[in-house]
Amino acid sequence: MANCRIQTVLLLAAAVLVWCTISIAGLDNGLARRPPMGWMSWERYRCITDCKKYPDECISEKLFKRMADLMVSEGYRDAGYEYVNIDDCWMADERDANGVLQPNKERFPNGIKHLADYIHERGLKFGIYQDIGTKTCAGYPGMVGYFELDAQTFADWDVDFIKIDGCYADVELMVDDYIKFGEYMNKTGRPILYSCSWPAYQEYNGIIPDYEQLKETCNMWRNWGDIEDSHQSVVEITKYFSDHQNRIVPHSGPGHWNDPDTLILGNYGLSYDQSKSQLAVWTVMAAPLLISNDLAKVQPEIRELLLNKAIIKVNQDPLGIQGRLVKKINKIEIWKRPIMPRVGHELTQVIAFVSRRADGAPYSVIVKLQEDVGLSNSTIVKGYKVYDLFDPKTAPLLLRSSSSFETRINPSGANLYRFVPQYGTDFIRF
C-alpha cells in the first residue's frame, strides 16, 4: 500500500508538472475571445514628442488620460471599446541602472503605473508597446536581453494588452524570441493580451508564417504593413487579405485574430463613404476594432458609424468566423461572413458590397442570392429577411431564396446587410 501511495503521489506530481508546463508554454490565456476593441495612438499621433510645440498631440500622460476620458464621455467604452493603447515613443532613451524600462519623465511625470491606474479607474484596460529587437522602430530601447525583466515590469504596471513590434530584429530568429517572451508573460500570472508582429515582417521577406505556431503564441497578429491615413492604404491592405484569404482565414477565430491594423475613421484621409467602406470590410473580416484618431474631433456622422450597435454586434459575433471576398462584379467587391443566429440549419450571413469605382454617381449591382452570393440553395430555406446595417431603423426587406437582390453603392463606399434565413410558415406567403 505504501508503494502504491508513493506511485500515486509521483503520478499526481508528474501530472501537475505537465499541466504547469503546458500553461506556461501554450497561450490559452482566455483573452480575446472576440475581436479586441479599443483605441491606439500610432496612426494618428505617430511619434510626436515635442510637447511644447504640440501640447495636445505629443505622446504623453496627458494625451492618454484625455483619450481615456473621451472613451467614457463619448460613449465608446459603453459600446465595447475597452483598450487604451500606447504605441511607440513612450520610453526614456535608456533603461534605468537596474535595466528596467522607464518612461520619458517629462512626458509621463507620474510613471506608467499611475497612467494604468487612471485608465482602470474609468472601467477601461491599458495597453503598451515594445519591440522584440534591439530597438523599437523609433529607436528606443528594445527587448533583446531583457525578455523576462520586461514581462515582469509590464505585469507590475498592470498592463492588459501588449503589442510587440519587430524592428531591429533578425527575421529568421524573431519567432523564437516572440515565443520566449510569451512564456515569460505567462509566468507572471497576469493575463495580458499578446499582439505579435512577426507575420508582417516575414511576409515582406518572402517567408510564409507558421499560423499554427501563431495561434499557440499570440492573441492577434499584424499580417501586413502599417495603415496610412488614406483610402488607397485601406484598399491595399484589403487586397492583401483577399489575395491571401485561403491561406490566412482558417487561422483566425476566438482567441487568435488576423489584424489588418487600426480604423482610421475620423482622421483626414477618408470621406464619409470611404469610412463606411473600411468599417464594412473590417467587420466582415472579424478584425480587431482599434480606433486611431483624435476622439475629440470625430465628426458626428463618423462617431455614429463607430458606435453603430448593429455593426459592432456583427464584428463581435461569438463564432468569430472571418469572412471572405466571394465575388467581383464591375469593380464591386462582394464580401460575406457567416454569423449567429443560426436559423434551423442555416447561419445568418452578413454581406458587404464594396465599391472600387470612381464614377460620378452611385453604381447599381444586381446579384442572384444563390448563384452569385452563395446563399443557401436548400429547399427548406424559403427566403431571407434583409437588414441594412448602416440604416438599422429601416424595416427589413423580404426576399425569396431564388430571387435577386439589388443595391446601389456610392463611389468608393460600401453597403452592409444582414441576411437572416426564413423557413416555411415563418416566411411571408407569396
Protein backbone atom coordinates (compact mmCIF):
# COMPACT_ATOMS: atom_id res chain seq x y z
CA MET A 1 0.00 0.00 0.00
CA ALA A 2 2.86 2.37 0.86
CA ASN A 3 4.41 1.76 -2.57
CA CYS A 4 1.03 2.37 -4.23
CA ARG A 5 0.61 5.66 -2.37
CA ILE A 6 4.12 6.73 -3.35
CA GLN A 7 3.43 5.85 -7.00
CA THR A 8 0.13 7.74 -6.88
CA VAL A 9 1.81 10.83 -5.42
CA LEU A 10 4.53 10.67 -8.07
CA LEU A 11 1.94 10.35 -10.84
CA LEU A 12 -0.02 13.31 -9.47
CA ALA A 13 3.16 15.35 -9.18
CA ALA A 14 4.06 14.48 -12.76
CA ALA A 15 0.59 15.44 -13.94
CA VAL A 16 0.83 18.79 -12.14
CA LEU A 17 4.27 19.37 -13.66
CA VAL A 18 2.94 18.62 -17.15
CA TRP A 19 -0.07 20.92 -16.60
CA CYS A 20 2.18 23.75 -15.39
CA THR A 21 4.50 23.28 -18.36
CA ILE A 22 1.57 23.43 -20.79
CA SER A 23 0.11 26.51 -19.09
CA ILE A 24 3.41 28.32 -19.47
CA ALA A 25 4.38 27.13 -22.95
CA GLY A 26 0.96 27.44 -24.58
CA LEU A 27 -1.09 30.62 -24.95
CA ASP A 28 -4.54 29.60 -23.65
CA ASN A 29 -4.86 32.80 -21.60
CA GLY A 30 -8.63 33.06 -22.05
CA LEU A 31 -8.33 36.50 -23.65
CA ALA A 32 -9.61 37.96 -26.93
CA ARG A 33 -12.46 35.51 -27.32
CA ARG A 34 -13.94 38.20 -29.57
CA PRO A 35 -12.05 40.73 -31.71
CA PRO A 36 -10.44 43.26 -29.36
CA MET A 37 -11.89 46.79 -29.42
CA GLY A 38 -10.29 49.99 -28.24
CA TRP A 39 -8.11 52.95 -29.15
CA MET A 40 -4.44 53.06 -30.20
CA SER A 41 -2.15 56.03 -30.68
CA TRP A 42 0.13 55.20 -33.60
CA GLU A 43 -1.67 56.03 -36.85
CA ARG A 44 -2.92 59.41 -35.65
CA TYR A 45 -0.16 60.52 -33.26
CA ARG A 46 2.88 58.62 -34.54
CA CYS A 47 5.99 59.69 -32.63
CA ILE A 48 5.15 63.31 -31.83
CA THR A 49 7.26 64.08 -28.77
CA ASP A 50 7.56 67.88 -28.78
CA CYS A 51 5.01 68.78 -26.11
CA LYS A 52 5.89 72.48 -26.18
CA LYS A 53 5.11 72.77 -29.86
CA TYR A 54 2.25 70.24 -29.96
CA PRO A 55 0.84 70.06 -26.42
CA ASP A 56 -2.37 68.27 -27.43
CA GLU A 57 -0.73 65.77 -29.75
CA CYS A 58 2.51 64.64 -28.15
CA ILE A 59 2.85 61.10 -26.81
CA SER A 60 2.31 61.83 -23.14
CA GLU A 61 0.40 61.02 -20.00
CA LYS A 62 -1.88 63.96 -20.79
CA LEU A 63 -2.83 62.54 -24.20
CA PHE A 64 -3.75 59.10 -22.92
CA LYS A 65 -5.69 60.45 -19.97
CA ARG A 66 -7.61 62.70 -22.35
CA MET A 67 -8.42 59.79 -24.64
CA ALA A 68 -9.50 57.63 -21.72
CA ASP A 69 -11.87 60.35 -20.55
CA LEU A 70 -13.26 60.74 -24.08
CA MET A 71 -13.74 56.98 -24.39
CA VAL A 72 -16.12 57.28 -21.47
CA SER A 73 -17.83 60.61 -22.18
CA GLU A 74 -18.36 59.96 -25.91
CA GLY A 75 -19.86 56.51 -25.39
CA TYR A 76 -17.07 54.36 -26.80
CA ARG A 77 -16.49 52.39 -23.60
CA ASP A 78 -20.17 51.52 -23.27
CA ALA A 79 -20.24 50.46 -26.93
CA GLY A 80 -17.49 47.89 -26.27
CA TYR A 81 -14.25 49.75 -26.95
CA GLU A 82 -12.23 48.89 -23.86
CA TYR A 83 -8.48 49.22 -24.51
CA VAL A 84 -6.46 52.45 -24.42
CA ASN A 85 -3.12 51.57 -26.02
CA ILE A 86 0.19 53.42 -26.10
CA ASP A 87 2.30 52.67 -29.16
CA ASP A 88 5.97 53.62 -29.69
CA CYS A 89 7.85 56.63 -28.25
CA TRP A 90 6.73 56.47 -24.60
CA MET A 91 10.13 55.40 -23.24
CA ALA A 92 13.15 57.22 -21.97
CA ASP A 93 16.24 56.94 -24.14
CA GLU A 94 17.87 54.50 -21.70
CA ARG A 95 16.83 51.87 -19.17
CA ASP A 96 17.46 52.64 -15.51
CA ALA A 97 20.51 51.43 -13.58
CA ASN A 98 18.82 48.06 -12.94
CA GLY A 99 17.88 47.56 -16.58
CA VAL A 100 14.21 48.36 -16.02
CA LEU A 101 12.32 50.23 -18.72
CA GLN A 102 11.32 53.75 -17.76
CA PRO A 103 9.04 56.27 -19.42
CA ASN A 104 10.14 59.68 -20.57
CA LYS A 105 9.95 61.61 -17.31
CA GLU A 106 8.88 64.90 -18.86
CA ARG A 107 6.02 63.44 -20.84
CA PHE A 108 5.00 60.79 -18.27
CA PRO A 109 5.88 62.52 -14.98
CA ASN A 110 3.85 60.16 -12.78
CA GLY A 111 5.04 56.93 -14.38
CA ILE A 112 3.26 54.18 -16.28
CA LYS A 113 1.64 52.50 -13.27
CA HIS A 114 -0.10 55.77 -12.43
CA LEU A 115 -1.43 56.01 -16.00
CA ALA A 116 -2.61 52.39 -15.93
CA ASP A 117 -4.45 53.06 -12.67
CA TYR A 118 -6.09 56.17 -14.15
CA ILE A 119 -7.34 54.17 -17.13
CA HIS A 120 -8.52 51.25 -14.99
CA GLU A 121 -10.45 53.59 -12.71
CA ARG A 122 -12.54 54.54 -15.73
CA GLY A 123 -13.53 50.97 -16.45
CA LEU A 124 -11.05 50.63 -19.31
CA LYS A 125 -7.99 48.47 -19.96
CA PHE A 126 -4.43 49.61 -20.57
CA GLY A 127 -2.11 48.62 -23.41
CA ILE A 128 1.54 49.32 -24.12
CA TYR A 129 4.20 48.75 -26.80
CA GLN A 130 7.65 47.19 -27.05
CA ASP A 131 9.87 45.68 -29.73
CA ILE A 132 11.37 42.21 -29.96
CA GLY A 133 14.63 43.62 -31.37
CA THR A 134 17.48 45.74 -30.06
CA LYS A 135 15.49 48.96 -30.55
CA THR A 136 11.90 49.97 -31.17
CA CYS A 137 11.02 51.22 -34.64
CA ALA A 138 11.55 54.79 -33.41
CA GLY A 139 14.89 53.95 -31.82
CA TYR A 140 14.01 53.50 -28.14
CA PRO A 141 15.32 50.55 -26.05
CA GLY A 142 14.24 47.15 -27.39
CA MET A 143 13.79 43.89 -25.54
CA VAL A 144 16.85 41.84 -26.53
CA GLY A 145 18.46 40.59 -23.33
CA TYR A 146 15.54 41.75 -21.17
CA PHE A 147 12.60 39.49 -22.07
CA GLU A 148 11.95 38.21 -18.55
CA LEU A 149 12.53 41.57 -16.88
CA ASP A 150 10.26 43.41 -19.30
CA ALA A 151 7.49 40.82 -18.92
CA GLN A 152 7.56 41.24 -15.15
CA THR A 153 7.75 45.04 -15.45
CA PHE A 154 4.61 45.10 -17.60
CA ALA A 155 2.83 42.80 -15.17
CA ASP A 156 3.87 45.02 -12.24
CA TRP A 157 2.45 48.01 -14.11
CA ASP A 158 -0.89 46.16 -14.55
CA VAL A 159 -0.71 46.15 -18.32
CA ASP A 160 -3.65 44.40 -20.06
CA PHE A 161 -2.52 44.45 -23.70
CA ILE A 162 0.91 44.46 -25.27
CA LYS A 163 1.91 44.99 -28.87
CA ILE A 164 5.37 43.66 -29.69
CA ASP A 165 6.86 45.08 -32.89
CA GLY A 166 9.68 43.56 -34.95
CA CYS A 167 12.09 46.33 -35.92
CA TYR A 168 15.85 45.82 -35.50
CA ALA A 169 15.39 42.06 -35.17
CA ASP A 170 16.62 39.07 -37.16
CA VAL A 171 13.60 37.89 -39.13
CA GLU A 172 14.96 34.33 -39.04
CA LEU A 173 15.23 34.31 -35.24
CA MET A 174 12.41 36.57 -34.11
CA VAL A 175 9.77 33.83 -33.85
CA ASP A 176 11.70 32.04 -31.10
CA ASP A 177 12.04 35.33 -29.26
CA TYR A 178 8.30 36.07 -29.53
CA ILE A 179 7.59 32.63 -28.11
CA LYS A 180 10.11 33.12 -25.32
CA PHE A 181 8.63 36.47 -24.31
CA GLY A 182 5.13 34.97 -24.35
CA GLU A 183 6.28 32.26 -21.95
CA TYR A 184 7.75 34.85 -19.60
CA MET A 185 4.47 36.81 -19.71
CA ASN A 186 2.53 33.68 -18.81
CA LYS A 187 4.86 33.07 -15.88
CA THR A 188 3.96 36.44 -14.35
CA GLY A 189 0.42 35.18 -13.75
CA ARG A 190 -1.13 38.36 -15.15
CA PRO A 191 -3.43 37.88 -18.15
CA ILE A 192 -2.04 40.16 -20.87
CA LEU A 193 -3.43 40.16 -24.42
CA TYR A 194 -0.48 39.42 -26.69
CA SER A 195 -0.35 41.19 -30.08
CA CYS A 196 2.51 39.98 -32.29
CA SER A 197 4.01 41.41 -35.46
CA TRP A 198 6.21 38.67 -36.85
CA PRO A 199 3.91 37.71 -39.78
CA ALA A 200 4.19 41.22 -41.27
CA TYR A 201 7.98 41.09 -41.18
CA GLN A 202 8.09 37.55 -42.56
CA GLU A 203 5.67 38.32 -45.39
CA TYR A 204 7.79 41.29 -46.51
CA ASN A 205 10.78 38.95 -46.62
CA GLY A 206 9.01 36.23 -48.62
CA ILE A 207 8.52 33.89 -45.66
CA ILE A 208 5.14 32.21 -45.10
CA PRO A 209 4.29 32.44 -41.38
CA ASP A 210 3.57 29.32 -39.36
CA TYR A 211 -0.03 30.08 -38.37
CA GLU A 212 -0.33 27.11 -36.04
CA GLN A 213 2.60 28.50 -34.09
CA LEU A 214 0.99 31.93 -34.11
CA LYS A 215 -2.25 30.59 -32.64
CA GLU A 216 -0.32 28.88 -29.87
CA THR A 217 1.61 32.07 -29.05
CA CYS A 218 -0.41 35.20 -29.80
CA ASN A 219 -3.94 36.55 -29.35
CA MET A 220 -3.70 38.64 -32.52
CA TRP A 221 -1.09 39.44 -35.12
CA ARG A 222 -0.37 42.02 -37.75
CA ASN A 223 -0.31 40.34 -41.15
CA TRP A 224 0.87 43.23 -43.32
CA GLY A 225 2.24 46.79 -43.25
CA ASP A 226 1.08 49.82 -41.28
CA ILE A 227 -2.07 51.54 -42.38
CA GLU A 228 -1.73 55.13 -43.59
CA ASP A 229 -4.32 57.91 -43.50
CA SER A 230 -5.71 57.32 -46.98
CA HIS A 231 -8.34 55.30 -48.80
CA GLN A 232 -5.59 53.89 -51.02
CA SER A 233 -3.91 52.40 -47.96
CA VAL A 234 -7.17 50.78 -46.87
CA VAL A 235 -7.63 49.34 -50.37
CA GLU A 236 -4.08 47.95 -50.46
CA ILE A 237 -4.44 46.23 -47.09
CA THR A 238 -7.84 44.87 -48.08
CA LYS A 239 -6.32 43.49 -51.28
CA TYR A 240 -3.61 41.70 -49.32
CA PHE A 241 -6.28 40.00 -47.22
CA SER A 242 -8.43 38.99 -50.20
CA ASP A 243 -5.45 37.80 -52.27
CA HIS A 244 -4.28 35.54 -49.43
CA GLN A 245 -7.61 34.68 -47.81
CA ASN A 246 -7.41 30.94 -48.47
CA ARG A 247 -4.15 30.85 -46.54
CA ILE A 248 -4.96 33.15 -43.62
CA VAL A 249 -8.71 32.99 -42.99
CA PRO A 250 -8.78 29.46 -41.48
CA HIS A 251 -6.46 30.54 -38.68
CA SER A 252 -8.49 33.45 -37.33
CA GLY A 253 -11.04 32.92 -34.59
CA PRO A 254 -11.78 33.25 -30.88
CA GLY A 255 -8.53 33.90 -29.02
CA HIS A 256 -6.40 34.44 -32.14
CA TRP A 257 -7.15 37.08 -34.78
CA ASN A 258 -5.73 38.36 -38.04
CA ASP A 259 -5.18 42.10 -37.65
CA PRO A 260 -5.34 44.44 -40.69
CA ASP A 261 -4.37 47.40 -38.44
CA THR A 262 -6.33 50.30 -36.96
CA LEU A 263 -9.52 52.01 -38.01
CA ILE A 264 -8.70 55.44 -39.42
CA LEU A 265 -12.25 56.80 -39.45
CA GLY A 266 -12.37 60.34 -38.10
CA ASN A 267 -8.98 61.48 -39.36
CA TYR A 268 -8.07 63.39 -42.51
CA GLY A 269 -7.86 60.78 -45.25
CA LEU A 270 -11.31 59.17 -45.61
CA SER A 271 -14.57 60.59 -46.85
CA TYR A 272 -17.78 59.50 -45.17
CA ASP A 273 -18.38 56.81 -47.80
CA GLN A 274 -14.78 55.59 -47.57
CA SER A 275 -15.20 55.41 -43.80
CA LYS A 276 -18.20 53.15 -44.32
CA SER A 277 -16.08 51.04 -46.65
CA GLN A 278 -13.29 50.44 -44.13
CA LEU A 279 -15.73 49.71 -41.34
CA ALA A 280 -17.72 47.28 -43.51
CA VAL A 281 -14.67 45.28 -44.62
CA TRP A 282 -13.10 45.19 -41.14
CA THR A 283 -16.45 43.97 -39.76
CA VAL A 284 -16.75 41.18 -42.31
CA MET A 285 -13.13 40.18 -41.67
CA ALA A 286 -13.81 39.87 -37.92
CA ALA A 287 -10.91 42.28 -37.44
CA PRO A 288 -9.95 43.92 -34.15
CA LEU A 289 -11.55 47.37 -33.98
CA LEU A 290 -8.79 49.62 -32.67
CA ILE A 291 -9.54 53.25 -33.45
CA SER A 292 -6.65 55.66 -34.08
CA ASN A 293 -7.91 59.23 -34.22
CA ASP A 294 -8.49 62.29 -32.05
CA LEU A 295 -11.72 61.31 -30.32
CA ALA A 296 -12.43 64.95 -29.51
CA LYS A 297 -12.56 65.88 -33.20
CA VAL A 298 -14.54 62.99 -34.65
CA GLN A 299 -17.41 64.28 -36.79
CA PRO A 300 -20.89 63.31 -35.53
CA GLU A 301 -21.63 61.14 -38.57
CA ILE A 302 -18.33 59.25 -38.14
CA ARG A 303 -18.97 58.80 -34.42
CA GLU A 304 -22.35 57.34 -35.32
CA LEU A 305 -20.63 54.80 -37.57
CA LEU A 306 -18.11 53.82 -34.89
CA LEU A 307 -20.88 53.41 -32.29
CA ASN A 308 -23.31 51.56 -34.59
CA LYS A 309 -24.62 48.79 -32.34
CA ALA A 310 -25.75 46.55 -35.19
CA ILE A 311 -22.31 46.63 -36.81
CA ILE A 312 -20.45 46.12 -33.53
CA LYS A 313 -22.67 43.12 -32.81
CA VAL A 314 -21.66 41.58 -36.13
CA ASN A 315 -17.97 42.27 -35.55
CA GLN A 316 -18.23 40.70 -32.10
CA ASP A 317 -20.18 37.63 -33.24
CA PRO A 318 -19.26 34.73 -30.91
CA LEU A 319 -18.49 32.31 -33.76
CA GLY A 320 -15.58 34.55 -34.74
CA ILE A 321 -15.55 33.36 -38.37
CA GLN A 322 -13.56 35.61 -40.69
CA GLY A 323 -15.44 36.49 -43.87
CA ARG A 324 -14.18 36.30 -47.42
CA LEU A 325 -14.33 38.10 -50.73
CA VAL A 326 -16.70 35.88 -52.73
CA LYS A 327 -17.24 37.76 -55.99
CA LYS A 328 -16.35 40.85 -58.03
CA ILE A 329 -18.82 42.47 -60.43
CA ASN A 330 -17.66 45.52 -62.40
CA LYS A 331 -15.33 46.73 -59.61
CA ILE A 332 -17.88 45.98 -56.90
CA GLU A 333 -16.48 43.56 -54.32
CA ILE A 334 -18.89 41.26 -52.51
CA TRP A 335 -17.73 40.08 -49.08
CA LYS A 336 -19.60 37.52 -46.99
CA ARG A 337 -19.38 36.34 -43.40
CA PRO A 338 -21.48 33.74 -41.51
CA ILE A 339 -22.69 34.79 -38.06
CA MET A 340 -25.25 33.88 -35.44
CA PRO A 341 -28.13 33.40 -35.07
CA ARG A 342 -28.50 30.00 -36.66
CA VAL A 343 -31.99 29.54 -38.04
CA GLY A 344 -32.68 25.84 -38.43
CA HIS A 345 -29.55 24.50 -40.08
CA GLU A 346 -28.54 27.79 -41.66
CA LEU A 347 -26.40 30.59 -40.27
CA THR A 348 -27.22 34.23 -40.82
CA GLN A 349 -24.97 35.86 -43.42
CA VAL A 350 -23.54 39.38 -43.44
CA ILE A 351 -22.78 40.69 -46.91
CA ALA A 352 -20.82 43.82 -47.83
CA PHE A 353 -20.95 45.41 -51.25
CA VAL A 354 -17.75 47.44 -51.56
CA SER A 355 -17.21 49.83 -54.46
CA ARG A 356 -13.80 50.24 -56.03
CA ARG A 357 -15.31 52.53 -58.64
CA ALA A 358 -14.73 56.26 -59.08
CA ASP A 359 -17.84 57.08 -61.08
CA GLY A 360 -19.58 60.37 -60.58
CA ALA A 361 -22.74 58.56 -59.48
CA PRO A 362 -23.69 55.55 -57.35
CA TYR A 363 -23.49 52.20 -59.16
CA SER A 364 -26.25 49.59 -59.05
CA VAL A 365 -25.47 45.90 -58.89
CA ILE A 366 -27.96 43.05 -59.09
CA VAL A 367 -26.98 39.65 -57.68
CA LYS A 368 -28.68 36.28 -57.52
CA LEU A 369 -28.64 35.19 -53.91
CA GLN A 370 -27.72 31.59 -54.60
CA GLU A 371 -25.56 31.74 -57.73
CA ASP A 372 -23.68 35.00 -57.12
CA VAL A 373 -23.52 35.31 -53.36
CA GLY A 374 -23.59 31.66 -52.36
CA LEU A 375 -26.57 31.80 -50.03
CA SER A 376 -28.35 28.55 -49.24
CA ASN A 377 -29.88 26.52 -52.06
CA SER A 378 -31.68 24.32 -49.54
CA THR A 379 -35.33 23.71 -50.33
CA ILE A 380 -36.07 24.26 -46.64
CA VAL A 381 -34.91 27.88 -46.68
CA LYS A 382 -37.74 29.84 -48.29
CA GLY A 383 -36.18 33.27 -48.15
CA TYR A 384 -34.41 35.94 -46.15
CA LYS A 385 -35.07 38.99 -44.06
CA VAL A 386 -32.54 41.58 -45.16
CA TYR A 387 -31.44 44.27 -42.69
CA ASP A 388 -29.48 47.37 -43.71
CA LEU A 389 -26.76 47.65 -41.06
CA PHE A 390 -25.87 51.23 -41.94
CA ASP A 391 -29.53 52.19 -41.53
CA PRO A 392 -30.76 49.87 -38.75
CA LYS A 393 -34.03 51.76 -38.29
CA THR A 394 -35.21 50.74 -41.76
CA ALA A 395 -37.70 47.86 -41.87
CA PRO A 396 -36.18 44.62 -43.22
CA LEU A 397 -36.72 43.58 -46.81
CA LEU A 398 -38.25 40.15 -47.50
CA LEU A 399 -36.73 38.11 -50.35
CA ARG A 400 -37.25 34.65 -51.77
CA SER A 401 -34.15 32.42 -51.79
CA SER A 402 -34.35 32.13 -55.56
CA SER A 403 -34.68 35.85 -56.16
CA SER A 404 -32.20 38.59 -56.94
CA PHE A 405 -31.07 41.47 -54.77
CA GLU A 406 -30.24 44.95 -56.00
CA THR A 407 -28.22 47.58 -54.17
CA ARG A 408 -26.71 50.91 -55.23
CA ILE A 409 -23.28 51.78 -53.84
CA ASN A 410 -21.70 55.22 -53.74
CA PRO A 411 -18.27 55.64 -55.38
CA SER A 412 -15.54 54.22 -53.07
CA GLY A 413 -18.26 53.46 -50.50
CA ALA A 414 -19.94 50.33 -49.19
CA ASN A 415 -23.32 48.92 -48.21
CA LEU A 416 -23.63 46.30 -45.49
CA TYR A 417 -26.55 43.90 -44.96
CA ARG A 418 -27.58 41.06 -42.68
CA PHE A 419 -29.43 38.18 -44.38
CA VAL A 420 -31.44 36.11 -41.88
CA PRO A 421 -32.79 32.76 -43.21
CA GLN A 422 -36.56 32.19 -43.09
CA TYR A 423 -38.29 28.82 -43.04
CA GLY A 424 -41.69 27.56 -44.21
CA THR A 425 -44.59 29.17 -42.41
CA ASP A 426 -42.20 31.62 -40.71
CA PHE A 427 -41.82 33.34 -44.05
CA ILE A 428 -44.23 35.52 -45.94
CA ARG A 429 -46.56 33.72 -48.36
CA PHE A 430 -46.11 34.94 -51.92
